[in-house]
Protein backbone atom coordinates (compact mmCIF):
# COMPACT_ATOMS: atom_id res chain seq x y z
CA MET A 1 63.16 213.35 99.80
CA ASN A 2 65.40 212.20 102.66
CA ILE A 3 66.46 209.15 100.63
CA PHE A 4 67.30 211.22 97.56
CA ARG A 5 69.32 213.61 99.71
CA ARG A 6 71.31 210.73 101.17
CA ILE A 7 71.95 209.35 97.70
CA SER A 8 73.14 212.77 96.56
CA ASP A 9 75.42 213.16 99.57
CA PHE A 10 76.88 209.72 98.93
CA ALA A 11 77.46 210.41 95.23
CA HIS A 12 79.37 213.60 96.06
CA ASN A 13 81.52 212.02 98.77
CA GLN A 14 84.80 211.14 97.05
CA THR A 15 85.97 208.95 99.91
CA ALA A 16 82.75 206.92 99.84
CA LEU A 17 83.06 206.59 96.07
CA PHE A 18 86.66 205.41 96.42
CA TRP A 19 85.56 202.50 98.61
CA THR A 20 82.55 201.80 96.40
CA PHE A 21 84.68 201.59 93.25
CA LEU A 22 87.19 199.42 95.07
CA GLY A 23 84.38 197.08 96.12
CA MET A 24 83.05 196.86 92.56
CA LEU A 25 86.49 196.00 91.19
CA ILE A 26 87.22 193.31 93.77
CA LEU A 27 83.70 191.79 93.77
CA PRO A 28 84.51 188.80 91.46
CA ASN A 29 87.57 187.96 93.58
CA VAL A 30 85.43 187.83 96.71
CA MET A 31 82.94 185.58 94.94
CA MET A 32 85.77 183.32 93.75
CA PHE A 33 86.90 182.80 97.35
CA PHE A 34 83.78 180.67 97.77
CA THR A 35 83.76 179.03 94.32
CA GLU A 36 87.37 178.00 93.62
CA SER A 37 88.99 174.71 94.62
CA THR A 38 92.49 176.16 95.04
CA GLY A 39 94.15 176.30 98.46
CA VAL A 40 92.85 178.72 101.08
CA LEU A 41 96.06 180.75 100.96
CA THR A 42 95.76 181.12 97.18
CA ARG A 43 92.15 182.25 97.51
CA ILE A 44 93.15 184.81 100.16
CA VAL A 45 95.95 186.08 97.94
CA ASN A 46 93.45 186.23 95.05
CA ILE A 47 91.61 188.89 97.07
CA VAL A 48 94.39 190.70 98.92
CA LEU A 49 96.90 191.09 96.08
CA PRO A 50 94.49 192.48 93.44
CA LEU A 51 92.86 194.61 96.14
CA GLY A 52 96.23 196.15 96.90
CA CYS A 53 96.91 196.73 93.21
CA TYR A 54 93.52 198.34 92.66
CA TRP A 55 94.01 200.44 95.79
CA PHE A 56 97.42 201.57 94.57
CA ALA A 57 96.04 202.40 91.10
CA MET A 58 93.10 204.33 92.53
CA THR A 59 95.50 206.68 94.34
CA PHE A 60 96.93 207.96 91.08
CA ASN A 61 94.23 210.63 90.93
CA ARG A 62 92.47 212.42 93.75
CA LYS A 63 89.17 211.93 91.93
CA PRO A 64 88.52 208.19 92.13
CA GLY A 65 86.06 208.38 89.23
CA VAL A 66 88.95 209.22 86.89
CA MET A 67 90.79 206.03 87.79
CA PHE A 68 87.59 203.98 87.64
CA TRP A 69 87.30 204.99 84.00
CA TRP A 70 90.99 204.24 83.41
CA LEU A 71 90.35 200.76 84.78
CA PHE A 72 87.41 200.18 82.44
CA PHE A 73 89.01 197.06 80.94
CA PHE A 74 88.90 195.42 84.37
CA ILE A 75 85.27 196.46 84.76
CA PHE A 76 84.57 194.64 81.50
CA ILE A 77 86.26 191.39 82.56
CA ASP A 78 84.74 191.68 86.06
CA ALA A 79 81.28 191.67 84.50
CA PHE A 80 82.28 188.79 82.21
CA GLU A 81 83.62 186.81 85.18
CA ILE A 82 80.47 187.26 87.27
CA VAL A 83 78.31 185.99 84.40
CA LEU A 84 80.69 183.03 84.00
CA LEU A 85 80.47 182.22 87.71
CA TYR A 86 76.68 182.29 87.44
CA LEU A 87 76.84 179.93 84.47
CA PHE A 88 79.52 177.46 85.56
CA GLY A 89 79.98 178.12 89.27
CA GLU A 90 83.81 178.32 89.23
CA SER A 91 87.03 179.31 87.45
CA PRO A 92 88.46 182.46 85.88
CA ILE A 93 87.56 183.55 82.38
CA ALA A 94 89.18 181.07 80.03
CA VAL A 95 90.85 181.73 76.71
CA ASP A 96 88.14 179.53 75.19
CA MET A 97 85.43 181.81 76.58
CA PHE A 98 86.95 184.81 74.82
CA LEU A 99 87.32 182.75 71.64
CA ASN A 100 83.68 181.71 71.90
CA VAL A 101 82.81 185.42 71.63
CA PHE A 102 84.87 185.65 68.44
CA THR A 103 83.69 182.38 66.89
CA SER A 104 80.06 182.01 67.98
CA ASN A 105 77.36 183.31 65.70
CA VAL A 106 74.77 185.85 66.80
CA THR A 107 72.03 183.22 67.04
CA GLU A 108 73.98 181.06 69.51
CA GLU A 109 74.96 184.06 71.64
CA THR A 110 71.38 185.37 71.74
CA GLU A 111 70.02 181.98 72.80
CA LEU A 112 72.59 181.75 75.57
CA LEU A 113 72.19 185.31 76.88
CA ALA A 114 68.44 184.88 77.02
CA ASN A 115 69.00 182.30 79.75
CA LEU A 116 71.50 184.39 81.70
CA ILE A 117 69.19 187.30 82.41
CA PRO A 118 69.67 187.32 86.23
CA ALA A 119 73.47 187.49 85.95
CA VAL A 120 73.42 189.99 83.09
CA ALA A 121 70.95 192.18 84.98
CA PHE A 122 73.10 192.01 88.12
CA VAL A 123 76.32 193.14 86.42
CA PHE A 124 74.40 195.73 84.43
CA VAL A 125 73.01 197.32 87.61
CA ILE A 126 76.32 197.12 89.51
CA TYR A 127 78.70 198.38 86.87
CA LEU A 128 76.42 200.82 85.06
CA SER A 129 75.76 202.52 88.40
CA GLY A 130 79.54 202.57 88.92
CA ILE A 131 80.05 204.28 85.58
CA VAL A 132 77.39 206.89 86.44
CA LEU A 133 78.98 207.48 89.86
CA ALA A 134 82.38 207.82 88.19
CA ILE A 135 81.00 210.61 86.02
CA VAL A 136 79.67 212.33 89.15
CA SER A 137 83.09 211.89 90.79
CA VAL A 138 84.89 213.46 87.84
CA ARG A 139 82.53 216.43 87.78
CA ASN A 140 82.71 216.93 91.56
CA ARG A 141 84.99 219.74 92.72
CA ASP A 142 85.94 217.92 95.89
CA LYS A 143 88.94 215.60 95.93
CA LEU A 144 90.26 212.87 98.16
CA ARG A 145 91.89 214.36 101.21
CA GLU A 146 94.31 211.55 101.91
CA LEU A 147 96.57 209.26 99.98
CA PHE A 148 95.86 205.61 100.24
CA ARG A 149 98.95 203.52 100.34
CA TYR A 150 99.56 200.40 98.32
CA LEU A 151 98.72 197.28 100.24
CA GLY A 152 101.37 194.56 99.63
CA VAL A 153 101.15 190.86 100.37
CA ASN A 154 103.91 188.26 100.51
CA TYR A 155 103.13 184.76 99.40
CA ALA A 156 105.32 181.77 98.71
CA VAL A 157 103.77 178.57 100.02
CA ASP A 158 101.46 177.07 97.36
CA ARG A 159 103.58 174.99 94.96
CA LYS A 160 100.85 175.00 92.30
CA PHE A 161 100.44 178.76 92.52
CA ARG A 162 100.93 180.67 89.27
CA ILE A 163 99.98 184.31 89.20
CA GLN A 164 98.73 184.09 85.59
CA ASP A 165 96.46 181.19 86.57
CA ASP A 166 95.30 181.92 90.10
CA ILE A 167 95.07 185.69 90.62
CA PHE A 168 92.15 187.55 89.12
CA PRO A 169 92.24 189.80 87.12
CA VAL A 170 95.84 188.86 86.20
CA ASN A 171 94.56 185.52 84.87
CA GLY A 172 91.69 187.14 83.01
CA THR A 173 94.04 189.71 81.45
CA TYR A 174 96.58 187.02 80.54
CA ASN A 175 93.87 184.91 78.91
CA PHE A 176 92.50 187.94 77.08
CA ALA A 177 95.95 188.50 75.54
CA LEU A 178 96.24 184.79 74.64
CA SER A 179 92.87 184.89 72.89
CA PHE A 180 94.12 187.67 70.64
CA GLY A 181 97.17 185.57 69.80
CA ARG A 182 94.94 182.71 68.78
CA VAL A 183 92.74 184.94 66.66
CA TYR A 184 95.95 186.01 64.90
CA HIS A 185 96.86 182.35 64.25
CA ILE A 186 93.38 181.67 62.88
CA ALA A 187 93.55 184.67 60.55
CA ASN A 188 96.97 183.59 59.25
CA TYR A 189 96.27 179.86 58.92
CA GLU A 190 96.16 179.89 55.12
CA ARG A 191 99.64 181.42 55.04
CA THR A 192 101.26 179.34 57.81
CA SER A 193 99.92 176.01 56.46
CA ALA A 194 100.37 176.79 52.76
CA GLY A 195 103.41 174.57 52.21
CA PHE A 196 102.19 171.60 54.23
CA THR A 197 101.61 168.21 52.62
CA HIS A 198 100.63 164.84 54.09
CA HIS A 199 102.38 162.96 51.27
CA ALA A 200 99.21 160.85 51.31
CA ARG A 201 98.65 158.05 48.82
CA THR A 202 96.17 155.22 48.50
CA THR A 203 97.37 151.64 48.60
CA ARG A 204 94.26 150.44 46.76
CA GLY A 205 93.53 150.54 43.06
CA ASP A 206 91.35 153.24 41.58
CA SER A 207 88.96 150.56 40.39
CA ILE A 208 87.84 149.82 43.96
CA PRO A 209 84.87 152.09 44.83
CA GLU A 210 84.91 153.39 48.42
CA ILE A 211 82.80 155.88 50.40
CA TYR A 212 83.63 157.25 53.85
CA VAL A 213 81.32 159.51 55.83
CA LEU A 214 82.37 161.25 59.04
CA VAL A 215 79.47 162.70 61.05
CA ILE A 216 80.41 165.21 63.73
CA GLY A 217 77.61 165.82 66.17
CA GLU A 218 77.35 168.65 68.65
CA THR A 219 76.78 168.54 72.41
CA ALA A 220 75.62 164.91 72.41
CA ARG A 221 76.51 163.07 75.61
CA ALA A 222 76.65 159.29 75.60
CA ASP A 223 74.62 158.93 78.80
CA ASN A 224 71.40 159.86 76.98
CA PHE A 225 71.83 157.33 74.16
CA GLY A 226 69.80 154.14 74.45
CA ILE A 227 72.70 152.17 72.96
CA TYR A 228 74.72 153.09 76.05
CA GLY A 229 72.21 151.67 78.51
CA TYR A 230 70.11 154.78 79.02
CA GLU A 231 66.71 153.98 80.56
CA ARG A 232 64.96 155.49 77.56
CA ASN A 233 65.34 153.95 74.13
CA THR A 234 66.32 157.20 72.44
CA THR A 235 68.25 155.35 69.71
CA PRO A 236 66.07 152.43 68.46
CA ARG A 237 67.44 152.59 64.90
CA MET A 238 71.07 152.57 66.01
CA LYS A 239 70.31 149.67 68.34
CA ALA A 240 68.87 147.73 65.41
CA LEU A 241 72.03 148.43 63.39
CA ALA A 242 74.18 147.26 66.30
CA ASP A 243 72.08 144.11 66.79
CA SER A 244 72.49 143.27 63.09
CA GLY A 245 76.29 143.53 63.34
CA GLU A 246 76.55 146.58 61.07
CA LEU A 247 77.29 149.08 63.84
CA VAL A 248 80.04 148.87 66.46
CA VAL A 249 79.44 150.92 69.62
CA TYR A 250 82.43 152.11 71.62
CA HIS A 251 81.41 152.27 75.27
CA ASP A 252 84.40 154.12 76.74
CA ALA A 253 84.98 157.29 74.70
CA LEU A 254 86.06 160.62 76.20
CA THR A 255 86.55 163.84 74.27
CA MET A 256 89.76 165.83 74.65
CA SER A 257 87.94 169.16 74.88
CA ASN A 258 84.58 170.44 76.03
CA THR A 259 84.61 173.25 73.45
CA THR A 260 83.61 173.00 69.79
CA HIS A 261 86.40 175.20 68.45
CA LYS A 262 89.02 172.82 69.88
CA SER A 263 87.37 169.42 69.66
CA VAL A 264 86.19 169.63 66.04
CA PRO A 265 89.60 170.66 64.63
CA MET A 266 91.12 167.70 66.50
CA LEU A 267 88.54 165.41 64.87
CA LEU A 268 89.39 166.87 61.48
CA SER A 269 93.17 166.57 61.78
CA ALA A 270 96.06 164.68 63.36
CA ILE A 271 96.90 167.33 65.96
CA ALA A 272 95.49 165.35 68.90
CA SER A 273 98.38 162.92 68.51
CA GLU A 274 100.86 165.75 67.95
CA ARG A 275 101.08 169.14 69.72
CA TYR A 276 97.89 171.18 69.68
CA ASP A 277 99.75 174.19 68.32
CA SER A 278 100.76 172.11 65.29
CA LEU A 279 97.27 172.99 64.07
CA TYR A 280 98.67 176.34 62.96
CA VAL A 281 100.93 174.76 60.34
CA GLN A 282 99.22 171.48 59.39
CA ARG A 283 96.47 170.68 56.93
CA GLY A 284 93.71 168.34 58.03
CA LEU A 285 91.99 165.03 57.29
CA ILE A 286 90.25 166.27 54.15
CA SER A 287 93.55 167.38 52.60
CA ALA A 288 94.98 163.90 53.14
CA PHE A 289 92.05 162.38 51.23
CA ASN A 290 92.44 165.02 48.52
CA GLU A 291 96.09 164.06 48.08
CA ALA A 292 95.11 160.38 47.89
CA GLY A 293 92.80 161.09 44.91
CA TYR A 294 89.42 161.19 46.68
CA ASN A 295 86.50 163.42 45.85
CA THR A 296 85.73 165.31 49.06
CA ALA A 297 82.77 167.23 50.47
CA PHE A 298 82.11 169.16 53.68
CA TYR A 299 78.50 169.96 54.60
CA SER A 300 77.75 171.90 57.75
CA ASN A 301 74.50 172.86 59.45
CA GLN A 302 76.31 175.79 61.03
CA ARG A 303 77.33 179.25 59.99
CA ARG A 304 80.92 180.14 59.20
CA ASN A 305 82.44 181.51 62.39
CA ARG A 306 86.05 182.50 61.57
CA SER A 307 87.48 179.43 63.28
CA PHE A 308 89.80 176.59 62.28
CA ILE A 309 86.67 174.52 61.59
CA ASP A 310 86.00 176.74 58.59
CA PHE A 311 89.52 176.31 57.22
CA LEU A 312 89.67 172.56 57.74
CA GLY A 313 86.20 172.09 56.25
CA CYS A 314 86.94 174.31 53.28
CA GLU A 315 89.79 172.02 52.26
CA ALA A 316 87.05 169.95 50.61
CA GLN A 317 86.24 170.27 46.93
CA ASP A 318 82.52 170.74 47.63
CA VAL A 319 81.64 172.94 50.62
CA VAL A 320 78.20 174.01 51.87
CA PHE A 321 77.32 175.83 55.09
CA ILE A 322 73.56 175.39 55.13
CA LYS A 323 72.76 178.34 57.34
CA ASP A 324 74.89 180.70 55.27
CA THR A 325 72.76 179.85 52.26
CA ALA A 326 69.47 180.18 54.15
CA SER A 327 67.58 183.31 55.01
CA ILE A 328 69.08 185.28 57.89
CA THR A 329 65.79 184.73 59.74
CA THR A 330 66.05 180.95 59.31
CA THR A 331 67.90 179.88 62.43
CA ASN A 332 66.50 176.44 63.19
CA VAL A 333 67.45 174.39 60.14
CA PRO A 334 67.01 170.69 61.07
CA ASP A 335 70.06 168.45 60.90
CA LEU A 336 68.17 166.05 58.63
CA LYS A 337 68.70 168.66 55.88
CA LEU A 338 72.22 167.26 55.73
CA LEU A 339 70.70 164.14 54.20
CA ASP A 340 69.50 166.22 51.24
CA LEU A 341 73.06 167.35 50.53
CA LEU A 342 74.32 163.79 50.90
CA ASP A 343 71.61 162.61 48.48
CA ASN A 344 72.77 165.16 45.90
CA THR A 345 76.34 163.92 46.21
CA LEU A 346 75.41 160.24 46.04
CA ARG A 347 73.28 160.83 42.93
CA ARG A 348 76.44 162.09 41.22
CA TYR A 349 78.54 159.23 42.56
CA ASP A 350 80.24 157.37 39.72
CA GLY A 351 81.82 154.48 41.59
CA GLY A 352 85.03 156.28 42.55
CA LYS A 353 86.47 157.21 45.92
CA LEU A 354 84.55 159.66 48.09
CA LEU A 355 84.88 161.30 51.53
CA VAL A 356 81.97 163.29 52.98
CA VAL A 357 82.14 165.14 56.31
CA LEU A 358 78.84 166.20 57.87
CA HIS A 359 78.90 168.74 60.71
CA ALA A 360 75.56 168.80 62.51
CA TYR A 361 74.11 171.44 64.83
CA GLY A 362 73.17 168.62 67.15
CA SER A 363 71.91 169.11 70.67
CA HIS A 364 72.85 172.72 71.24
CA PHE A 365 70.63 174.59 73.65
CA ASN A 366 67.82 175.64 73.14
CA TYR A 367 67.07 171.92 72.74
CA HIS A 368 63.39 172.50 71.98
CA ASP A 369 64.33 174.20 68.69
CA ARG A 370 66.30 171.26 67.29
CA TYR A 371 63.41 169.02 66.24
CA SER A 372 59.89 169.09 64.83
CA ARG A 373 56.69 168.43 66.76
CA GLN A 374 56.49 165.03 65.08
CA GLN A 375 59.88 164.19 66.63
CA ALA A 376 58.84 165.24 70.14
CA HIS A 377 58.61 161.73 71.60
CA PHE A 378 59.26 162.87 75.17
CA THR A 379 57.01 165.49 76.71
CA PRO A 380 56.48 167.94 78.31
CA ASP A 381 59.37 169.61 76.50
CA GLU A 382 58.51 173.30 76.64
CA ILE A 383 61.32 175.04 78.54
CA PRO A 384 60.24 178.24 80.34
CA SER A 385 63.85 178.94 81.37
CA ALA A 386 67.10 177.12 82.02
CA GLU A 387 66.62 176.39 85.72
CA VAL A 388 66.96 173.24 87.76
CA LYS A 389 63.23 173.24 88.51
CA TYR A 390 62.59 172.64 84.81
CA ARG A 391 65.04 169.76 84.54
CA GLU A 392 62.32 167.29 83.50
CA GLN A 393 61.42 169.46 80.50
CA LEU A 394 65.10 170.03 79.70
CA ILE A 395 65.84 166.29 79.72
CA ASN A 396 62.76 165.54 77.61
CA ALA A 397 63.77 168.11 75.02
CA TYR A 398 67.39 166.97 75.06
CA ASP A 399 66.36 163.34 74.59
CA ASN A 400 64.30 164.39 71.59
CA THR A 401 67.45 165.85 70.01
CA ILE A 402 69.17 162.49 70.47
CA GLY A 403 66.27 160.94 68.58
CA VAL A 404 67.18 163.21 65.65
CA VAL A 405 70.77 161.92 65.83
CA ASP A 406 69.35 158.39 65.64
CA GLU A 407 67.38 159.30 62.49
CA LEU A 408 70.40 160.96 60.90
CA VAL A 409 72.77 158.05 61.49
CA ASN A 410 70.23 155.51 60.29
CA GLY A 411 69.39 157.60 57.23
CA ILE A 412 73.05 157.72 56.20
CA ALA A 413 73.44 153.96 56.73
CA GLU A 414 70.37 153.24 54.55
CA ARG A 415 71.71 155.37 51.71
CA LEU A 416 75.19 153.87 51.78
CA ARG A 417 73.91 150.30 52.07
CA ALA A 418 71.72 150.81 48.99
CA LEU A 419 74.79 151.60 46.84
CA ASP A 420 76.27 148.13 47.45
CA VAL A 421 79.86 149.39 47.60
CA PRO A 422 82.44 149.34 50.41
CA ALA A 423 81.30 152.18 52.66
CA VAL A 424 82.01 153.31 56.23
CA MET A 425 80.39 155.85 58.51
CA ILE A 426 81.77 157.14 61.82
CA TYR A 427 79.61 159.20 64.16
CA THR A 428 80.82 161.02 67.26
CA SER A 429 80.17 164.27 69.09
CA ASP A 430 82.53 167.13 69.86
CA HIS A 431 81.62 167.10 73.57
CA GLY A 432 78.78 166.45 75.99
CA GLU A 433 76.65 168.67 78.20
CA ASP A 434 75.72 169.33 81.83
CA ILE A 435 71.97 169.38 82.51
CA PHE A 436 71.70 169.99 86.28
CA ASP A 437 72.86 166.42 86.88
CA ASP A 438 74.11 166.67 90.44
CA LYS A 439 74.26 168.98 93.44
CA ARG A 440 76.67 171.34 91.65
CA GLY A 441 73.80 172.52 89.46
CA ARG A 442 75.99 172.74 86.34
CA PHE A 443 74.41 173.54 82.97
CA LEU A 444 75.69 173.65 79.37
CA HIS A 445 79.35 173.03 78.41
CA ALA A 446 82.65 174.81 77.67
CA SER A 447 83.26 175.52 81.35
CA PRO A 448 86.93 176.20 82.22
CA ILE A 449 86.91 173.00 84.30
CA PRO A 450 85.15 170.07 82.59
CA THR A 451 82.81 167.48 84.08
CA TYR A 452 82.11 163.81 83.40
CA TYR A 453 78.96 164.74 81.47
CA GLN A 454 80.87 167.11 79.20
CA LEU A 455 83.61 164.57 78.51
CA ARG A 456 81.81 161.30 77.80
CA VAL A 457 80.66 161.17 74.17
CA PRO A 458 79.22 158.57 71.77
CA TYR A 459 81.45 156.90 69.20
CA VAL A 460 80.10 154.42 66.66
CA VAL A 461 81.46 152.87 63.45
CA TRP A 462 79.15 151.49 60.74
CA ALA A 463 80.23 149.54 57.65
CA SER A 464 78.29 148.29 54.66
CA PRO A 465 78.09 144.56 53.88
CA ALA A 466 80.43 145.14 50.93
CA TYR A 467 83.06 146.75 53.16
CA ARG A 468 82.80 144.08 55.84
CA GLU A 469 83.30 141.38 53.20
CA THR A 470 86.04 143.11 51.17
CA PHE A 471 88.08 144.33 54.15
CA ALA A 472 87.20 141.68 56.70
CA SER A 473 90.43 141.93 58.70
CA GLN A 474 90.01 145.63 59.31
CA TRP A 475 86.38 145.20 60.32
CA GLN A 476 87.41 142.44 62.70
CA ALA A 477 89.88 144.84 64.32
CA VAL A 478 87.14 147.51 64.67
CA MET A 479 84.96 145.00 66.52
CA SER A 480 87.78 143.67 68.70
CA HIS A 481 88.60 147.12 70.09
CA ARG A 482 85.02 148.11 70.98
CA ASP A 483 85.59 147.85 74.77
CA LYS A 484 88.89 149.70 74.91
CA PRO A 485 89.16 153.28 76.23
CA ILE A 486 89.52 155.78 73.40
CA SER A 487 89.66 159.48 72.65
CA PRO A 488 87.66 160.17 69.46
CA ASN A 489 89.86 163.20 68.75
CA MET A 490 92.94 160.97 68.88
CA VAL A 491 91.74 158.00 66.82
CA THR A 492 89.44 159.38 64.11
CA PHE A 493 92.10 160.70 61.71
CA HIS A 494 94.15 157.50 61.90
CA THR A 495 91.14 155.17 61.76
CA LEU A 496 89.71 156.76 58.61
CA LEU A 497 93.10 156.66 56.89
CA ASP A 498 93.59 153.03 57.87
CA MET A 499 90.10 151.93 56.82
CA SER A 500 90.57 153.61 53.44
CA GLY A 501 94.07 152.21 52.88
CA ILE A 502 95.71 155.63 52.83
CA LYS A 503 99.31 156.05 53.94
CA ALA A 504 100.53 159.46 55.10
CA ASN A 505 103.39 160.99 57.05
CA LEU A 506 101.30 161.59 60.18
CA PHE A 507 99.48 158.26 60.06
CA LYS A 508 100.00 156.04 63.13
CA PRO A 509 98.69 152.45 62.90
CA SER A 510 98.72 152.15 66.70
CA LEU A 511 96.01 154.84 66.87
CA ALA A 512 93.73 153.28 64.22
CA LEU A 513 90.79 151.27 65.60
CA SER A 514 90.78 149.20 62.41
CA ASN A 515 94.40 148.13 62.80
CA PRO A 516 95.45 145.03 64.80
CA SER A 517 98.32 147.06 66.28
CA PHE A 518 95.95 149.55 67.95
CA LYS A 519 96.93 150.28 71.54
CA PRO A 520 95.03 152.54 73.96
CA VAL A 521 97.03 155.52 75.16
CA PRO A 522 96.44 157.61 78.29
CA ARG A 523 93.49 159.89 77.65
CA LEU A 524 94.35 163.57 77.64
CA TYR A 525 92.46 166.82 78.03
CA VAL A 526 93.46 170.02 76.25
CA ASP A 527 93.26 172.80 78.82
CA ASP A 528 92.53 176.45 78.27
CA HIS A 529 96.18 177.20 77.48
CA ASN A 530 96.37 174.35 74.93
CA HIS A 531 98.42 172.13 77.24
CA TYR A 532 97.70 168.40 77.23
CA ARG A 533 96.75 167.18 80.71
CA THR A 534 95.89 163.72 81.99
CA MET A 535 92.28 163.23 83.06
CA ASP A 536 93.25 163.22 86.73
CA ASN A 537 94.96 166.59 86.32
CA CYS A 538 92.33 168.68 84.56
CA GLY A 539 90.25 169.75 87.57
CA LEU A 540 87.67 166.97 87.70
CA LYS A 541 85.87 166.69 91.04
CA LYS A 542 84.99 163.74 93.24
CA LEU A 543 81.49 163.62 91.76
CA ASP A 544 83.00 163.20 88.29
CA VAL A 545 85.32 160.40 89.41
CA GLU A 546 82.34 158.61 90.96
CA ALA A 547 80.41 158.98 87.68
CA PHE A 548 83.31 157.41 85.76
CA LYS A 549 83.33 154.50 88.19
CA ASN A 550 79.55 154.02 88.19
CA ASN A 551 79.47 153.92 84.38
CA HIS A 552 82.52 151.64 84.08
CA ILE A 553 84.62 154.29 82.32
CA GLN A 554 88.38 154.01 82.76
CA TYR A 555 89.82 156.82 84.88
CA PRO A 556 92.30 158.35 84.54
């Protein structure tokens, strides 16, 4: 009874509630003092300045519960930020995180939240209790007996300091507003890109049959591919293709984004070599092939998610989103189902010109759900929860997903080879993944600050015997550039146009791996605000730089 009485006394003490609400609002900032890599002064300001603003706002009403409700938006982003810190260990809420909420499907979000239970439970207890106490404060007849004055702070030393980047919740609010702007651009893409044309044309006669297949994987990191020197032979079929001279493996490939909704549009367009915001007014790779007289198809083992991926994919003449055609309860459709759609298209193939883009579900967590029991070559692979103590099971399950990639790539090569026509396949992944690889304990991807494991991706080019014979000079160029540093997002558009003999306004021979004039350019990373940054200016840590060096990857 004594405890309940104390709780009641506390709940009816407006001054105590004032300090409690203030503590709840500033909690993420205090946590970020220990997680962020900014200067000490900036981290102090990140606490003191918002604290003063919250304090000032809370004095607008003598019942602090009223202002706590008025500040509900900040409660929302506080809870979001704490969950993000639990997941990634640093950084404010990024624009991409808000966009992930808009563009992820329910299945992906449910799988992720199921592994964030401690963080979700923590914010639920903290902020739900705050909401309850705010109701008590509003209903209480007592009021604050003193005015709290606004606490001001002067700061002017940190040259890199930007209030919209470094002060929470200013940065979270700024990013929230940016995310709405991007949703607007997505919704209006059909209108803003309506008049765009590549002025694309083929330089080869219609009588020459050609097939090009672009395979976009998901969350596949190069370090777990046997063809990249991994201790496990997770890719025996791809190794056999490489040994036979049919497959060229690019060792030094880094993605320009660790998020799907940025990386995939860059793979499907020329924007990586332009400005990122040019995406809002440009059509993509598939449109260029359409203009050049190709039959085009886009097959995805994903659901539509209101992103630019949908628009760029739907430029194709034949479009299938497998999971949109499946039962709503069918969530784990294997990527090998893409081969069925490819088979249907190849059965109708009449010797003309064809482009097929396959978008896999890949190695998305929960890894265990991405393959059958017959494909479980590495065990134990049952994952009780996403914790570092289960890393062995996580790695086993993840490696099994790479085995599925190996089957998919080999299956496509077999089908194209059997047609005995000039054919090319390119496989890459949108980004990689952290799997508790070092002392930072990072897991998953799409963190505001990337890591080596999220950036290094596989990139391979396969060509049929007929292509290698007919277009020998271009295949020779593909092989000669295999050891050069590349960004898949930068080179894929230009390489596919060059290999198919298509000329277009945005085509740049110097970015085509199949062109003798190819020249590596400084690798860039697209940050949360869509700015292009060099690799040494995107927040990578010492551990990441060491990983680049140990794996002989050019940095920056």
